[in-house]
Amino acid sequence: MINQDQEIGQHQRDAVADICTMIRARGLQINQPRKAVIRALVGQKQAVTAEALWINIRLTYRISISAVYNNLNLLVKEGVAEKMVNEGTKSTYRIKPDFTIHGPQSS
């Protein structure tokens, strides 16, 4: 099994750590499936479907599609990610461009 931390750069590792810190501070646990979803989503250059993310994660970690959806929905609820509903196609997800450990930046 490939260590996912070896596949991402320092900036992405910092982002994963920041997201995990924020989620823990809100009283939520960081389990292996949740961390795998966070790592995979942080590593995406553009918005991705839950199914595509699931396929990517399954290359290195055993996870169910429902665990991917549940964790994506949690990240959206906590303000880390955004869900884009595209008419006629599947919804896509991405880390919010303005996300910081303190939440979205105000303009």
N, C-alpha and C. Protein backbone atom coordinates (compact mmCIF):
# COMPACT_ATOMS: atom_id res chain seq x y z
N MET A 1 0.84 -1.18 0.00
CA MET A 1 0.00 0.00 0.00
C MET A 1 0.89 1.25 0.00
N ILE A 2 0.59 2.18 -0.85
CA ILE A 2 1.36 3.42 -0.97
C ILE A 2 0.91 4.37 0.13
N ASN A 3 1.87 5.02 0.77
CA ASN A 3 1.55 6.03 1.78
C ASN A 3 1.07 7.28 1.06
N GLN A 4 -0.18 7.65 1.31
CA GLN A 4 -0.75 8.80 0.60
C GLN A 4 -0.01 10.09 0.89
N ASP A 5 0.61 10.22 2.08
CA ASP A 5 1.34 11.43 2.40
C ASP A 5 2.54 11.63 1.48
N GLN A 6 3.09 10.55 0.92
CA GLN A 6 4.22 10.66 0.02
C GLN A 6 3.80 11.18 -1.35
N GLU A 7 2.53 11.10 -1.66
CA GLU A 7 2.05 11.46 -2.99
C GLU A 7 1.64 12.93 -3.10
N ILE A 8 1.59 13.64 -1.99
CA ILE A 8 1.17 15.03 -2.04
C ILE A 8 2.29 15.92 -1.53
N GLY A 9 2.30 17.17 -1.97
CA GLY A 9 3.34 18.10 -1.57
C GLY A 9 3.11 18.70 -0.19
N GLN A 10 4.09 19.48 0.25
CA GLN A 10 4.03 20.08 1.58
C GLN A 10 2.81 20.99 1.74
N HIS A 11 2.51 21.80 0.74
CA HIS A 11 1.36 22.70 0.82
C HIS A 11 0.07 21.89 1.03
N GLN A 12 -0.06 20.80 0.30
CA GLN A 12 -1.25 19.96 0.44
C GLN A 12 -1.28 19.26 1.79
N ARG A 13 -0.11 18.80 2.28
CA ARG A 13 -0.07 18.18 3.62
C ARG A 13 -0.49 19.19 4.68
N ASP A 14 -0.04 20.45 4.53
CA ASP A 14 -0.44 21.49 5.47
C ASP A 14 -1.94 21.72 5.42
N ALA A 15 -2.51 21.73 4.22
CA ALA A 15 -3.96 21.93 4.08
C ALA A 15 -4.72 20.78 4.73
N VAL A 16 -4.26 19.55 4.53
CA VAL A 16 -4.91 18.39 5.16
C VAL A 16 -4.84 18.54 6.68
N ALA A 17 -3.67 18.91 7.20
CA ALA A 17 -3.50 19.08 8.65
C ALA A 17 -4.42 20.18 9.17
N ASP A 18 -4.52 21.30 8.45
CA ASP A 18 -5.39 22.41 8.86
C ASP A 18 -6.85 21.98 8.91
N ILE A 19 -7.29 21.26 7.90
CA ILE A 19 -8.68 20.80 7.85
C ILE A 19 -8.95 19.83 9.00
N CYS A 20 -8.04 18.90 9.24
CA CYS A 20 -8.22 17.95 10.34
C CYS A 20 -8.26 18.67 11.68
N THR A 21 -7.40 19.66 11.87
CA THR A 21 -7.39 20.44 13.11
C THR A 21 -8.73 21.15 13.31
N MET A 22 -9.24 21.76 12.26
CA MET A 22 -10.51 22.48 12.35
C MET A 22 -11.65 21.53 12.68
N ILE A 23 -11.68 20.39 12.04
CA ILE A 23 -12.76 19.43 12.27
C ILE A 23 -12.71 18.89 13.70
N ARG A 24 -11.51 18.59 14.18
CA ARG A 24 -11.36 18.14 15.58
C ARG A 24 -11.82 19.22 16.55
N ALA A 25 -11.48 20.48 16.25
CA ALA A 25 -11.86 21.60 17.12
C ALA A 25 -13.38 21.74 17.21
N ARG A 26 -14.08 21.25 16.22
CA ARG A 26 -15.55 21.30 16.23
C ARG A 26 -16.15 20.05 16.86
N GLY A 27 -15.31 19.24 17.49
CA GLY A 27 -15.79 18.07 18.22
C GLY A 27 -16.03 16.84 17.37
N LEU A 28 -15.54 16.85 16.15
CA LEU A 28 -15.71 15.70 15.26
C LEU A 28 -14.42 14.90 15.19
N GLN A 29 -14.56 13.61 14.96
CA GLN A 29 -13.39 12.75 14.89
C GLN A 29 -12.80 12.71 13.48
N ILE A 30 -11.52 12.45 13.44
CA ILE A 30 -10.84 12.21 12.16
C ILE A 30 -10.50 10.73 12.11
N ASN A 31 -11.33 9.97 11.41
CA ASN A 31 -11.06 8.55 11.24
C ASN A 31 -10.35 8.34 9.89
N GLN A 32 -9.94 7.12 9.63
CA GLN A 32 -9.20 6.86 8.40
C GLN A 32 -9.99 7.18 7.13
N PRO A 33 -11.28 6.78 7.03
CA PRO A 33 -12.03 7.14 5.82
C PRO A 33 -12.13 8.65 5.63
N ARG A 34 -12.36 9.39 6.72
CA ARG A 34 -12.49 10.85 6.61
C ARG A 34 -11.17 11.45 6.15
N LYS A 35 -10.07 11.01 6.73
CA LYS A 35 -8.77 11.56 6.34
C LYS A 35 -8.45 11.21 4.88
N ALA A 36 -8.83 10.02 4.45
CA ALA A 36 -8.59 9.62 3.06
C ALA A 36 -9.36 10.53 2.10
N VAL A 37 -10.61 10.87 2.44
CA VAL A 37 -11.42 11.76 1.60
C VAL A 37 -10.81 13.16 1.60
N ILE A 38 -10.40 13.64 2.76
CA ILE A 38 -9.79 14.98 2.84
C ILE A 38 -8.53 15.02 1.97
N ARG A 39 -7.65 14.03 2.13
CA ARG A 39 -6.41 13.99 1.33
C ARG A 39 -6.71 13.99 -0.16
N ALA A 40 -7.64 13.14 -0.55
CA ALA A 40 -7.96 13.01 -1.98
C ALA A 40 -8.55 14.30 -2.53
N LEU A 41 -9.44 14.94 -1.76
CA LEU A 41 -10.08 16.16 -2.24
C LEU A 41 -9.07 17.31 -2.31
N VAL A 42 -8.20 17.41 -1.31
CA VAL A 42 -7.16 18.44 -1.33
C VAL A 42 -6.24 18.25 -2.53
N GLY A 43 -6.01 17.02 -2.93
CA GLY A 43 -5.12 16.73 -4.04
C GLY A 43 -5.69 16.99 -5.42
N GLN A 44 -6.97 17.35 -5.50
CA GLN A 44 -7.61 17.59 -6.80
C GLN A 44 -7.34 19.00 -7.29
N LYS A 45 -7.03 19.13 -8.55
CA LYS A 45 -6.80 20.45 -9.15
C LYS A 45 -8.10 21.12 -9.58
N GLN A 46 -9.16 20.33 -9.74
CA GLN A 46 -10.46 20.88 -10.14
C GLN A 46 -11.55 20.10 -9.43
N ALA A 47 -12.78 20.58 -9.54
CA ALA A 47 -13.92 19.91 -8.92
C ALA A 47 -14.05 18.49 -9.46
N VAL A 48 -14.48 17.58 -8.61
CA VAL A 48 -14.52 16.16 -8.96
C VAL A 48 -15.82 15.54 -8.44
N THR A 49 -16.32 14.54 -9.15
CA THR A 49 -17.51 13.83 -8.67
C THR A 49 -17.12 12.92 -7.51
N ALA A 50 -18.10 12.57 -6.71
CA ALA A 50 -17.87 11.65 -5.60
C ALA A 50 -17.36 10.31 -6.12
N GLU A 51 -17.92 9.87 -7.24
CA GLU A 51 -17.51 8.58 -7.81
C GLU A 51 -16.04 8.60 -8.25
N ALA A 52 -15.62 9.68 -8.90
CA ALA A 52 -14.23 9.79 -9.33
C ALA A 52 -13.29 9.83 -8.12
N LEU A 53 -13.70 10.54 -7.08
CA LEU A 53 -12.90 10.60 -5.87
C LEU A 53 -12.80 9.22 -5.23
N TRP A 54 -13.92 8.51 -5.19
CA TRP A 54 -13.97 7.15 -4.63
C TRP A 54 -13.01 6.22 -5.37
N ILE A 55 -13.03 6.28 -6.69
CA ILE A 55 -12.13 5.45 -7.50
C ILE A 55 -10.67 5.78 -7.19
N ASN A 56 -10.37 7.07 -7.07
CA ASN A 56 -9.02 7.51 -6.74
C ASN A 56 -8.58 7.00 -5.37
N ILE A 57 -9.44 7.12 -4.38
CA ILE A 57 -9.11 6.69 -3.02
C ILE A 57 -8.91 5.18 -2.97
N ARG A 58 -9.75 4.45 -3.69
CA ARG A 58 -9.68 2.99 -3.66
C ARG A 58 -8.38 2.43 -4.20
N LEU A 59 -7.61 3.23 -4.89
CA LEU A 59 -6.30 2.77 -5.36
C LEU A 59 -5.36 2.47 -4.20
N THR A 60 -5.56 3.16 -3.07
CA THR A 60 -4.66 2.99 -1.93
C THR A 60 -5.37 2.67 -0.62
N TYR A 61 -6.69 2.80 -0.58
CA TYR A 61 -7.40 2.63 0.69
C TYR A 61 -8.77 2.02 0.42
N ARG A 62 -9.14 1.04 1.21
CA ARG A 62 -10.45 0.40 1.05
C ARG A 62 -11.51 1.29 1.70
N ILE A 63 -12.47 1.73 0.89
CA ILE A 63 -13.51 2.65 1.36
C ILE A 63 -14.78 2.42 0.54
N SER A 64 -15.91 2.61 1.18
CA SER A 64 -17.19 2.47 0.46
C SER A 64 -17.58 3.80 -0.17
N ILE A 65 -18.39 3.72 -1.21
CA ILE A 65 -18.88 4.94 -1.86
C ILE A 65 -19.72 5.76 -0.89
N SER A 66 -20.47 5.09 0.00
CA SER A 66 -21.29 5.83 0.97
C SER A 66 -20.41 6.59 1.95
N ALA A 67 -19.26 6.04 2.33
CA ALA A 67 -18.33 6.76 3.22
C ALA A 67 -17.80 8.01 2.52
N VAL A 68 -17.55 7.92 1.23
CA VAL A 68 -17.09 9.09 0.48
C VAL A 68 -18.17 10.16 0.47
N TYR A 69 -19.41 9.78 0.13
CA TYR A 69 -20.51 10.75 0.12
C TYR A 69 -20.73 11.36 1.51
N ASN A 70 -20.74 10.52 2.54
CA ASN A 70 -20.97 11.03 3.90
C ASN A 70 -19.91 12.04 4.31
N ASN A 71 -18.66 11.74 3.99
CA ASN A 71 -17.59 12.65 4.37
C ASN A 71 -17.56 13.90 3.51
N LEU A 72 -17.89 13.80 2.24
CA LEU A 72 -18.01 15.00 1.41
C LEU A 72 -19.11 15.91 1.93
N ASN A 73 -20.25 15.32 2.29
CA ASN A 73 -21.35 16.13 2.82
C ASN A 73 -20.96 16.80 4.13
N LEU A 74 -20.19 16.11 4.97
CA LEU A 74 -19.72 16.71 6.22
C LEU A 74 -18.79 17.88 5.92
N LEU A 75 -17.88 17.72 4.97
CA LEU A 75 -16.96 18.80 4.61
C LEU A 75 -17.71 20.01 4.06
N VAL A 76 -18.77 19.77 3.31
CA VAL A 76 -19.60 20.87 2.81
C VAL A 76 -20.28 21.56 3.99
N LYS A 77 -20.88 20.77 4.87
CA LYS A 77 -21.59 21.32 6.04
C LYS A 77 -20.65 22.15 6.92
N GLU A 78 -19.41 21.71 7.07
CA GLU A 78 -18.44 22.40 7.93
C GLU A 78 -17.76 23.57 7.23
N GLY A 79 -18.10 23.83 5.97
CA GLY A 79 -17.57 24.99 5.26
C GLY A 79 -16.20 24.80 4.65
N VAL A 80 -15.75 23.57 4.58
CA VAL A 80 -14.43 23.27 4.01
C VAL A 80 -14.52 23.10 2.50
N ALA A 81 -15.57 22.43 2.06
CA ALA A 81 -15.73 22.11 0.64
C ALA A 81 -17.03 22.72 0.12
N GLU A 82 -17.14 22.75 -1.18
CA GLU A 82 -18.40 23.18 -1.78
C GLU A 82 -18.86 22.14 -2.77
N LYS A 83 -20.18 22.01 -2.84
CA LYS A 83 -20.82 21.08 -3.77
C LYS A 83 -21.42 21.91 -4.88
N MET A 84 -21.08 21.57 -6.10
CA MET A 84 -21.62 22.28 -7.25
C MET A 84 -22.59 21.36 -7.97
N VAL A 85 -23.85 21.76 -7.98
CA VAL A 85 -24.88 20.97 -8.63
C VAL A 85 -24.96 21.42 -10.08
N ASN A 86 -24.66 20.51 -10.96
CA ASN A 86 -24.62 20.81 -12.39
C ASN A 86 -25.83 20.17 -13.06
N GLU A 87 -26.64 20.98 -13.69
CA GLU A 87 -27.85 20.46 -14.34
C GLU A 87 -27.48 19.44 -15.41
N GLY A 88 -28.09 18.28 -15.32
CA GLY A 88 -27.88 17.24 -16.32
C GLY A 88 -26.66 16.37 -16.09
N THR A 89 -25.83 16.72 -15.11
CA THR A 89 -24.65 15.90 -14.80
C THR A 89 -24.58 15.69 -13.29
N LYS A 90 -23.63 14.90 -12.87
CA LYS A 90 -23.46 14.63 -11.45
C LYS A 90 -22.86 15.84 -10.75
N SER A 91 -23.18 15.99 -9.48
CA SER A 91 -22.60 17.07 -8.68
C SER A 91 -21.10 16.86 -8.54
N THR A 92 -20.39 17.97 -8.41
CA THR A 92 -18.95 17.90 -8.20
C THR A 92 -18.60 18.61 -6.89
N TYR A 93 -17.44 18.28 -6.36
CA TYR A 93 -16.99 18.81 -5.07
C TYR A 93 -15.57 19.34 -5.21
N ARG A 94 -15.26 20.34 -4.39
CA ARG A 94 -13.90 20.85 -4.32
C ARG A 94 -13.71 21.55 -2.98
N ILE A 95 -12.46 21.70 -2.58
CA ILE A 95 -12.15 22.51 -1.40
C ILE A 95 -12.49 23.94 -1.77
N LYS A 96 -13.14 24.67 -0.86
CA LYS A 96 -13.47 26.06 -1.16
C LYS A 96 -12.20 26.85 -1.43
N PRO A 97 -12.19 27.63 -2.49
CA PRO A 97 -10.99 28.40 -2.84
C PRO A 97 -10.55 29.35 -1.73
N ASP A 98 -11.52 29.85 -0.95
CA ASP A 98 -11.20 30.81 0.10
C ASP A 98 -11.10 30.16 1.48
N PHE A 99 -10.96 28.83 1.53
CA PHE A 99 -10.90 28.15 2.82
C PHE A 99 -9.59 28.44 3.54
N THR A 100 -9.71 28.74 4.82
CA THR A 100 -8.57 28.80 5.73
C THR A 100 -8.98 28.02 6.97
N ILE A 101 -8.06 27.76 7.86
CA ILE A 101 -8.39 27.02 9.07
C ILE A 101 -9.47 27.73 9.88
N HIS A 102 -9.59 29.02 9.70
CA HIS A 102 -10.60 29.79 10.43
C HIS A 102 -11.91 29.88 9.67
N GLY A 103 -11.99 29.20 8.54
CA GLY A 103 -13.21 29.22 7.74
C GLY A 103 -13.02 30.10 6.53
N PRO A 104 -14.09 30.27 5.74
CA PRO A 104 -13.99 31.09 4.54
C PRO A 104 -13.58 32.52 4.87
N GLN A 105 -12.74 33.10 4.04
CA GLN A 105 -12.32 34.49 4.20
C GLN A 105 -13.44 35.40 3.76
N SER A 106 -13.65 36.47 4.49
CA SER A 106 -14.66 37.43 4.05
C SER A 106 -14.00 38.46 3.15
N SER A 107 -14.73 38.92 2.16
CA SER A 107 -14.17 39.87 1.20
C SER A 107 -14.35 41.28 1.66
